[in-house]
């Protein structure tokens, strides 16, 4: 198994400062990129374009996604925990709609993936401390199948 892609932002200390380093504010273009399993955590991805990209299982946790474009992107099982998403664009009929982390389409969710990210602290999403297993939105049959598959593989 290959390790997930890890993207590292170029960081530089601002002249005359002693505080934390700043990420260069460049709008990045990941349009139509294959970023499945990528780890882009705690990055400044404001205004980045992920139009038509595949981010299946990617982690964007802690990143600034303000005004980012996810039109037509596949975000299935991607992690958005702790992200800033002001002005994030999830698509349109003309541009294509994002597939949200829970597998639904932004088109079916009033034009957004908000409320369908699965791991950003939504009560009852099954991903946070205190969520009861019965309140989880995950498909229990897929969890059982995954456990059965890994158990069978370990037995061989």
N, C-alpha and C. Protein backbone atom coordinates (compact mmCIF):
# COMPACT_ATOMS: atom_id res chain seq x y z
N UNK A 1 0.85 -1.19 0.00
CA UNK A 1 0.00 0.00 0.00
C UNK A 1 0.88 1.24 0.00
N UNK A 2 0.58 2.15 -0.87
CA UNK A 2 1.35 3.39 -0.92
C UNK A 2 0.81 4.36 0.11
N UNK A 3 1.68 5.20 0.61
CA UNK A 3 1.24 6.18 1.60
C UNK A 3 0.47 7.29 0.91
N UNK A 4 -0.46 7.93 1.65
CA UNK A 4 -1.23 9.03 1.05
C UNK A 4 -0.32 10.19 0.68
N UNK A 5 -0.73 10.92 -0.32
CA UNK A 5 0.01 12.10 -0.74
C UNK A 5 0.00 13.12 0.39
N UNK A 6 1.14 13.70 0.68
CA UNK A 6 1.22 14.74 1.69
C UNK A 6 1.68 16.02 1.01
N UNK A 7 0.86 17.05 1.11
CA UNK A 7 1.21 18.34 0.53
C UNK A 7 1.64 19.27 1.65
N UNK A 8 2.74 19.94 1.46
CA UNK A 8 3.26 20.84 2.48
C UNK A 8 3.27 22.24 1.91
N UNK A 9 2.65 23.16 2.62
CA UNK A 9 2.63 24.55 2.18
C UNK A 9 3.98 25.20 2.46
N UNK A 10 4.40 26.08 1.57
CA UNK A 10 5.62 26.83 1.81
C UNK A 10 5.32 27.85 2.90
N UNK A 11 6.11 27.82 3.93
CA UNK A 11 5.88 28.73 5.05
C UNK A 11 7.09 29.64 5.20
N UNK A 12 6.82 30.87 5.54
CA UNK A 12 7.91 31.81 5.71
C UNK A 12 7.57 32.79 6.81
N UNK A 13 8.59 33.18 7.57
CA UNK A 13 8.38 34.14 8.65
C UNK A 13 8.33 35.53 8.05
N UNK A 14 7.34 36.29 8.46
CA UNK A 14 7.21 37.66 7.98
C UNK A 14 8.34 38.50 8.59
N UNK A 15 8.95 39.39 7.80
CA UNK A 15 10.06 40.21 8.30
C UNK A 15 9.65 40.99 9.54
N UNK A 16 10.54 40.98 10.54
CA UNK A 16 10.31 41.75 11.75
C UNK A 16 9.32 41.13 12.71
N UNK A 17 8.93 39.87 12.51
CA UNK A 17 7.98 39.23 13.41
C UNK A 17 8.64 38.07 14.14
N UNK A 18 8.09 37.74 15.28
CA UNK A 18 8.57 36.59 16.05
C UNK A 18 7.46 35.57 16.24
N UNK A 19 6.30 35.84 15.72
CA UNK A 19 5.15 34.95 15.89
C UNK A 19 5.20 33.74 14.97
N UNK A 20 4.07 33.08 14.82
CA UNK A 20 4.03 31.89 13.97
C UNK A 20 4.31 32.24 12.52
N UNK A 21 4.78 31.25 11.79
CA UNK A 21 5.06 31.46 10.37
C UNK A 21 3.75 31.60 9.61
N UNK A 22 3.80 32.28 8.49
CA UNK A 22 2.60 32.50 7.67
C UNK A 22 2.69 31.67 6.40
N UNK A 23 1.57 31.16 5.96
CA UNK A 23 1.52 30.44 4.70
C UNK A 23 1.34 31.44 3.58
N UNK A 24 2.08 31.28 2.53
CA UNK A 24 1.99 32.18 1.39
C UNK A 24 0.57 32.22 0.85
N UNK A 25 -0.05 33.40 0.72
CA UNK A 25 -1.44 33.50 0.29
C UNK A 25 -1.60 33.43 -1.23
N UNK A 26 -1.35 32.26 -1.80
CA UNK A 26 -1.47 32.06 -3.24
C UNK A 26 -2.68 31.17 -3.49
N UNK A 27 -3.57 31.58 -4.40
CA UNK A 27 -4.72 30.74 -4.74
C UNK A 27 -4.19 29.54 -5.52
N UNK A 28 -4.41 28.36 -4.99
CA UNK A 28 -3.89 27.14 -5.60
C UNK A 28 -4.93 26.52 -6.52
N UNK A 29 -4.47 25.88 -7.59
CA UNK A 29 -5.37 25.24 -8.55
C UNK A 29 -5.13 23.73 -8.55
N UNK A 30 -6.11 23.00 -7.95
CA UNK A 30 -6.08 21.55 -7.93
C UNK A 30 -7.18 20.99 -8.83
N UNK A 31 -7.66 21.79 -9.77
CA UNK A 31 -8.77 21.38 -10.64
C UNK A 31 -8.42 20.06 -11.34
N UNK A 32 -9.37 19.14 -11.28
CA UNK A 32 -9.29 17.82 -11.91
C UNK A 32 -8.10 16.98 -11.42
N UNK A 33 -7.53 17.34 -10.28
CA UNK A 33 -6.40 16.57 -9.73
C UNK A 33 -6.92 15.32 -9.01
N UNK A 34 -6.11 14.29 -8.99
CA UNK A 34 -6.41 13.09 -8.23
C UNK A 34 -5.69 13.19 -6.89
N UNK A 35 -6.45 13.52 -5.85
CA UNK A 35 -5.89 13.74 -4.52
C UNK A 35 -6.48 12.77 -3.51
N UNK A 36 -6.87 11.59 -3.96
CA UNK A 36 -7.43 10.58 -3.06
C UNK A 36 -6.43 10.27 -1.95
N UNK A 37 -6.90 10.36 -0.69
CA UNK A 37 -6.06 10.06 0.46
C UNK A 37 -5.05 11.14 0.81
N UNK A 38 -5.07 12.27 0.12
CA UNK A 38 -4.11 13.35 0.40
C UNK A 38 -4.33 13.92 1.80
N UNK A 39 -3.24 14.38 2.42
CA UNK A 39 -3.32 15.03 3.73
C UNK A 39 -2.92 16.48 3.55
N UNK A 40 -3.93 17.35 3.52
CA UNK A 40 -3.70 18.79 3.36
C UNK A 40 -4.23 19.47 4.61
N UNK A 41 -3.60 19.19 5.74
CA UNK A 41 -4.10 19.64 7.02
C UNK A 41 -3.46 20.95 7.44
N UNK A 42 -4.27 21.78 8.11
CA UNK A 42 -3.83 23.06 8.65
C UNK A 42 -3.14 23.94 7.61
N UNK A 43 -3.70 23.97 6.43
CA UNK A 43 -3.14 24.77 5.34
C UNK A 43 -4.05 25.93 4.98
N UNK A 44 -3.45 26.96 4.38
CA UNK A 44 -4.23 28.06 3.84
C UNK A 44 -4.60 27.69 2.41
N UNK A 45 -5.82 27.20 2.24
CA UNK A 45 -6.33 26.81 0.92
C UNK A 45 -7.46 27.74 0.50
N UNK A 46 -7.48 28.94 1.09
CA UNK A 46 -8.50 29.93 0.73
C UNK A 46 -8.41 30.22 -0.76
N UNK A 47 -9.53 30.25 -1.41
CA UNK A 47 -9.68 30.53 -2.83
C UNK A 47 -9.08 29.45 -3.73
N UNK A 48 -8.71 28.31 -3.18
CA UNK A 48 -8.18 27.22 -4.00
C UNK A 48 -9.30 26.61 -4.84
N UNK A 49 -8.95 26.13 -6.02
CA UNK A 49 -9.92 25.45 -6.87
C UNK A 49 -9.66 23.95 -6.84
N UNK A 50 -10.70 23.21 -6.42
CA UNK A 50 -10.69 21.76 -6.45
C UNK A 50 -11.75 21.28 -7.44
N UNK A 51 -12.11 22.13 -8.41
CA UNK A 51 -13.18 21.83 -9.36
C UNK A 51 -12.86 20.53 -10.11
N UNK A 52 -13.78 19.58 -10.01
CA UNK A 52 -13.63 18.30 -10.70
C UNK A 52 -12.57 17.39 -10.14
N UNK A 53 -11.98 17.74 -9.00
CA UNK A 53 -10.93 16.92 -8.40
C UNK A 53 -11.52 15.74 -7.63
N UNK A 54 -10.72 14.71 -7.43
CA UNK A 54 -11.11 13.58 -6.60
C UNK A 54 -10.32 13.64 -5.30
N UNK A 55 -11.05 13.81 -4.19
CA UNK A 55 -10.44 13.89 -2.87
C UNK A 55 -11.00 12.80 -1.96
N UNK A 56 -11.25 11.62 -2.50
CA UNK A 56 -11.83 10.52 -1.73
C UNK A 56 -10.91 10.18 -0.57
N UNK A 57 -11.44 10.25 0.65
CA UNK A 57 -10.68 9.92 1.84
C UNK A 57 -9.58 10.91 2.20
N UNK A 58 -9.55 12.06 1.56
CA UNK A 58 -8.53 13.07 1.85
C UNK A 58 -8.82 13.75 3.19
N UNK A 59 -7.80 14.33 3.80
CA UNK A 59 -7.98 15.10 5.02
C UNK A 59 -7.62 16.55 4.77
N UNK A 60 -8.60 17.42 4.98
CA UNK A 60 -8.41 18.86 4.88
C UNK A 60 -8.52 19.49 6.27
N UNK A 61 -8.47 18.67 7.31
CA UNK A 61 -8.71 19.08 8.69
C UNK A 61 -7.88 20.30 9.07
N UNK A 62 -8.56 21.26 9.70
CA UNK A 62 -7.90 22.45 10.21
C UNK A 62 -7.51 23.48 9.17
N UNK A 63 -7.84 23.24 7.92
CA UNK A 63 -7.43 24.15 6.84
C UNK A 63 -8.44 25.28 6.64
N UNK A 64 -7.95 26.38 6.09
CA UNK A 64 -8.81 27.50 5.71
C UNK A 64 -9.27 27.25 4.28
N UNK A 65 -10.56 26.97 4.12
CA UNK A 65 -11.15 26.69 2.81
C UNK A 65 -12.09 27.82 2.38
N UNK A 66 -11.90 29.01 2.95
CA UNK A 66 -12.75 30.15 2.61
C UNK A 66 -12.70 30.40 1.11
N UNK A 67 -13.87 30.53 0.51
CA UNK A 67 -14.01 30.82 -0.92
C UNK A 67 -13.38 29.75 -1.83
N UNK A 68 -13.15 28.55 -1.31
CA UNK A 68 -12.63 27.46 -2.15
C UNK A 68 -13.74 26.95 -3.06
N UNK A 69 -13.36 26.40 -4.20
CA UNK A 69 -14.30 25.90 -5.21
C UNK A 69 -14.22 24.38 -5.26
N UNK A 70 -15.32 23.71 -4.86
CA UNK A 70 -15.40 22.25 -4.90
C UNK A 70 -16.41 21.78 -5.94
N UNK A 71 -16.73 22.60 -6.94
CA UNK A 71 -17.72 22.21 -7.94
C UNK A 71 -17.27 20.94 -8.66
N UNK A 72 -18.15 19.96 -8.72
CA UNK A 72 -17.86 18.72 -9.42
C UNK A 72 -16.83 17.83 -8.76
N UNK A 73 -16.38 18.18 -7.55
CA UNK A 73 -15.36 17.38 -6.85
C UNK A 73 -15.99 16.20 -6.14
N UNK A 74 -15.23 15.11 -6.04
CA UNK A 74 -15.67 13.93 -5.28
C UNK A 74 -15.00 14.00 -3.91
N UNK A 75 -15.79 14.31 -2.88
CA UNK A 75 -15.29 14.50 -1.52
C UNK A 75 -15.68 13.34 -0.61
N UNK A 76 -16.05 12.21 -1.19
CA UNK A 76 -16.53 11.07 -0.41
C UNK A 76 -15.52 10.69 0.67
N UNK A 77 -15.99 10.64 1.90
CA UNK A 77 -15.21 10.28 3.09
C UNK A 77 -14.02 11.21 3.36
N UNK A 78 -14.03 12.40 2.79
CA UNK A 78 -12.99 13.38 3.10
C UNK A 78 -13.27 14.00 4.46
N UNK A 79 -12.22 14.39 5.17
CA UNK A 79 -12.37 15.00 6.49
C UNK A 79 -12.28 16.52 6.40
N UNK A 80 -13.31 17.16 6.92
CA UNK A 80 -13.37 18.62 6.97
C UNK A 80 -13.36 19.11 8.42
N UNK A 81 -12.95 18.28 9.36
CA UNK A 81 -12.99 18.62 10.78
C UNK A 81 -12.18 19.89 11.05
N UNK A 82 -12.82 20.86 11.68
CA UNK A 82 -12.15 22.09 12.09
C UNK A 82 -11.76 23.02 10.96
N UNK A 83 -12.40 22.89 9.80
CA UNK A 83 -12.06 23.76 8.68
C UNK A 83 -12.86 25.05 8.72
N UNK A 84 -12.31 26.09 8.13
CA UNK A 84 -13.02 27.35 7.94
C UNK A 84 -13.56 27.31 6.51
N UNK A 85 -14.89 27.50 6.35
CA UNK A 85 -15.52 27.32 5.04
C UNK A 85 -16.38 28.50 4.62
N UNK A 86 -16.08 29.69 5.03
CA UNK A 86 -16.86 30.86 4.64
C UNK A 86 -16.79 31.04 3.13
N UNK A 87 -17.93 31.07 2.46
CA UNK A 87 -17.98 31.32 1.03
C UNK A 87 -17.57 30.13 0.17
N UNK A 88 -17.45 28.95 0.76
CA UNK A 88 -17.07 27.77 -0.02
C UNK A 88 -18.14 27.49 -1.07
N UNK A 89 -17.71 27.18 -2.28
CA UNK A 89 -18.60 26.94 -3.42
C UNK A 89 -18.67 25.44 -3.68
N UNK A 90 -19.89 24.90 -3.58
CA UNK A 90 -20.10 23.46 -3.71
C UNK A 90 -20.59 23.06 -5.10
N UNK A 91 -20.79 24.01 -6.00
CA UNK A 91 -21.16 23.70 -7.37
C UNK A 91 -22.47 24.30 -7.82
N UNK A 92 -22.84 23.96 -9.07
CA UNK A 92 -24.09 24.42 -9.67
C UNK A 92 -24.43 23.46 -10.80
N UNK A 93 -25.61 23.65 -11.38
CA UNK A 93 -26.00 22.80 -12.51
C UNK A 93 -25.01 22.94 -13.67
N UNK A 94 -24.52 24.14 -13.90
CA UNK A 94 -23.59 24.37 -15.00
C UNK A 94 -22.18 23.87 -14.73
N UNK A 95 -21.72 23.98 -13.48
CA UNK A 95 -20.35 23.61 -13.12
C UNK A 95 -20.22 22.17 -12.63
N UNK A 96 -21.33 21.56 -12.27
CA UNK A 96 -21.30 20.24 -11.64
C UNK A 96 -21.34 20.40 -10.13
N UNK A 97 -21.92 19.42 -9.47
CA UNK A 97 -22.09 19.48 -8.02
C UNK A 97 -21.07 18.60 -7.32
N UNK A 98 -20.66 19.01 -6.14
CA UNK A 98 -19.75 18.21 -5.33
C UNK A 98 -20.48 16.98 -4.80
N UNK A 99 -19.75 15.87 -4.71
CA UNK A 99 -20.22 14.70 -3.96
C UNK A 99 -19.71 14.93 -2.54
N UNK A 100 -20.63 15.03 -1.59
CA UNK A 100 -20.28 15.35 -0.21
C UNK A 100 -19.62 14.15 0.48
N UNK A 101 -18.92 14.38 1.59
CA UNK A 101 -18.26 13.29 2.31
C UNK A 101 -19.19 12.14 2.71
N UNK A 102 -20.47 12.43 2.92
CA UNK A 102 -21.40 11.36 3.29
C UNK A 102 -21.97 10.63 2.08
N UNK A 103 -21.53 11.00 0.87
CA UNK A 103 -21.96 10.33 -0.34
C UNK A 103 -23.14 10.97 -1.04
N UNK A 104 -23.75 11.98 -0.42
CA UNK A 104 -24.86 12.69 -1.06
C UNK A 104 -24.31 13.74 -2.01
N UNK A 105 -25.18 14.28 -2.83
CA UNK A 105 -24.79 15.34 -3.77
C UNK A 105 -25.17 16.69 -3.20
N UNK A 106 -24.31 17.68 -3.39
CA UNK A 106 -24.64 19.04 -2.95
C UNK A 106 -25.92 19.51 -3.64
N UNK A 107 -26.20 19.00 -4.84
CA UNK A 107 -27.43 19.37 -5.56
C UNK A 107 -28.67 18.96 -4.78
N UNK A 108 -28.58 17.84 -4.07
CA UNK A 108 -29.71 17.33 -3.29
C UNK A 108 -29.76 17.93 -1.89
N UNK A 109 -28.78 18.74 -1.54
CA UNK A 109 -28.68 19.33 -0.20
C UNK A 109 -28.78 20.84 -0.26
N UNK A 110 -29.66 21.34 -1.09
CA UNK A 110 -29.86 22.79 -1.24
C UNK A 110 -28.59 23.51 -1.69
N UNK A 111 -27.77 22.84 -2.51
CA UNK A 111 -26.59 23.48 -3.07
C UNK A 111 -25.39 23.56 -2.16
N UNK A 112 -25.34 22.72 -1.14
CA UNK A 112 -24.23 22.77 -0.19
C UNK A 112 -23.90 21.39 0.35
N UNK A 113 -22.71 21.24 0.87
CA UNK A 113 -22.35 20.02 1.61
C UNK A 113 -22.41 20.28 3.12
N UNK A 114 -22.67 21.53 3.52
CA UNK A 114 -22.82 21.83 4.94
C UNK A 114 -23.92 20.93 5.50
N UNK A 115 -23.66 20.33 6.64
CA UNK A 115 -24.61 19.39 7.22
C UNK A 115 -24.43 17.97 6.68
N UNK A 116 -23.51 17.80 5.74
CA UNK A 116 -23.26 16.49 5.14
C UNK A 116 -21.76 16.19 5.12
N UNK A 117 -21.02 16.85 6.01
CA UNK A 117 -19.58 16.66 6.05
C UNK A 117 -19.20 15.49 6.96
N UNK A 118 -20.08 15.14 7.90
CA UNK A 118 -19.88 13.94 8.69
C UNK A 118 -18.94 14.04 9.86
N UNK A 119 -17.95 14.95 9.86
CA UNK A 119 -16.99 14.94 10.95
C UNK A 119 -16.65 16.33 11.48
N UNK A 120 -17.54 17.27 11.31
CA UNK A 120 -17.23 18.63 11.76
C UNK A 120 -17.98 19.00 13.03
N UNK A 121 -18.36 18.00 13.80
CA UNK A 121 -19.01 18.29 15.06
C UNK A 121 -20.51 18.35 14.98
N UNK A 122 -21.08 17.76 13.94
CA UNK A 122 -22.53 17.71 13.85
C UNK A 122 -23.05 16.75 14.91
N UNK A 123 -23.97 17.19 15.76
CA UNK A 123 -24.49 16.29 16.78
C UNK A 123 -25.09 15.04 16.14
N UNK A 124 -24.72 13.88 16.70
CA UNK A 124 -25.29 12.63 16.24
C UNK A 124 -24.66 12.08 14.98
N UNK A 125 -23.53 12.65 14.53
CA UNK A 125 -22.93 12.12 13.30
C UNK A 125 -22.09 10.88 13.55
N UNK A 126 -21.93 10.51 14.84
CA UNK A 126 -21.19 9.30 15.18
C UNK A 126 -19.69 9.49 15.20
N UNK A 127 -19.22 10.69 14.98
CA UNK A 127 -17.78 10.92 14.91
C UNK A 127 -17.23 11.74 16.06
N UNK A 128 -18.05 12.06 17.02
CA UNK A 128 -17.61 12.91 18.11
C UNK A 128 -17.86 12.23 19.45
N UNK A 129 -17.05 12.57 20.48
CA UNK A 129 -17.30 12.01 21.80
C UNK A 129 -18.72 12.34 22.25
N UNK A 130 -19.38 11.38 22.82
CA UNK A 130 -20.74 11.60 23.29
C UNK A 130 -21.82 11.20 22.30
N UNK A 131 -21.46 11.01 21.04
CA UNK A 131 -22.45 10.53 20.07
C UNK A 131 -22.71 9.06 20.35
N UNK A 132 -23.97 8.72 20.43
CA UNK A 132 -24.29 7.31 20.65
C UNK A 132 -24.17 6.56 19.34
N UNK A 133 -23.80 5.28 19.40
CA UNK A 133 -23.67 4.51 18.16
C UNK A 133 -24.97 4.45 17.36
N UNK A 134 -26.11 4.53 18.04
CA UNK A 134 -27.37 4.45 17.32
C UNK A 134 -27.70 5.73 16.59
N UNK A 135 -27.02 6.84 16.94
CA UNK A 135 -27.30 8.10 16.27
C UNK A 135 -26.40 8.33 15.06
N UNK A 136 -25.45 7.45 14.84
CA UNK A 136 -24.51 7.64 13.73
C UNK A 136 -25.21 7.53 12.40
N UNK A 137 -24.75 8.35 11.46
CA UNK A 137 -25.36 8.33 10.14
C UNK A 137 -24.70 7.33 9.21
N UNK A 138 -23.64 6.67 9.66
CA UNK A 138 -22.94 5.71 8.81
C UNK A 138 -23.79 4.47 8.59
N UNK A 139 -23.60 3.83 7.46
CA UNK A 139 -24.30 2.60 7.13
C UNK A 139 -23.66 1.45 7.91
N UNK A 140 -24.38 0.86 8.87
CA UNK A 140 -23.78 -0.18 9.70
C UNK A 140 -23.38 -1.42 8.90
N UNK A 141 -24.03 -1.68 7.78
CA UNK A 141 -23.67 -2.86 6.99
C UNK A 141 -22.30 -2.69 6.36
N UNK A 142 -21.93 -1.45 5.98
CA UNK A 142 -20.62 -1.25 5.39
C UNK A 142 -19.53 -1.41 6.45
N UNK A 143 -19.82 -1.01 7.70
CA UNK A 143 -18.86 -1.20 8.78
C UNK A 143 -18.67 -2.68 9.03
N UNK A 144 -19.76 -3.45 9.08
CA UNK A 144 -19.67 -4.89 9.30
C UNK A 144 -18.90 -5.56 8.18
N UNK A 145 -19.17 -5.14 6.95
CA UNK A 145 -18.47 -5.74 5.81
C UNK A 145 -16.98 -5.46 5.89
N UNK A 146 -16.61 -4.25 6.30
CA UNK A 146 -15.20 -3.91 6.41
C UNK A 146 -14.53 -4.74 7.49
N UNK A 147 -15.21 -4.93 8.63
CA UNK A 147 -14.67 -5.74 9.71
C UNK A 147 -14.52 -7.18 9.26
N UNK A 148 -15.54 -7.72 8.58
CA UNK A 148 -15.48 -9.10 8.09
C UNK A 148 -14.34 -9.28 7.11
N UNK A 149 -14.15 -8.33 6.22
CA UNK A 149 -13.10 -8.43 5.22
C UNK A 149 -11.72 -8.42 5.87
N UNK A 150 -11.51 -7.49 6.83
CA UNK A 150 -10.20 -7.42 7.46
C UNK A 150 -9.94 -8.64 8.33
N UNK A 151 -10.98 -9.18 8.98
CA UNK A 151 -10.82 -10.38 9.79
C UNK A 151 -10.45 -11.57 8.92
N UNK A 152 -11.10 -11.70 7.77
CA UNK A 152 -10.81 -12.79 6.85
C UNK A 152 -9.39 -12.68 6.30
N UNK A 153 -8.95 -11.47 6.02
CA UNK A 153 -7.61 -11.25 5.49
C UNK A 153 -6.55 -11.59 6.53
N UNK A 154 -6.83 -11.27 7.80
CA UNK A 154 -5.88 -11.56 8.86
C UNK A 154 -5.78 -13.06 9.11
N UNK A 155 -6.86 -13.79 8.88
CA UNK A 155 -6.88 -15.22 9.11
C UNK A 155 -6.04 -15.98 8.10
N UNK A 156 -5.79 -15.38 6.94
CA UNK A 156 -5.03 -16.08 5.90
C UNK A 156 -3.57 -16.05 6.14
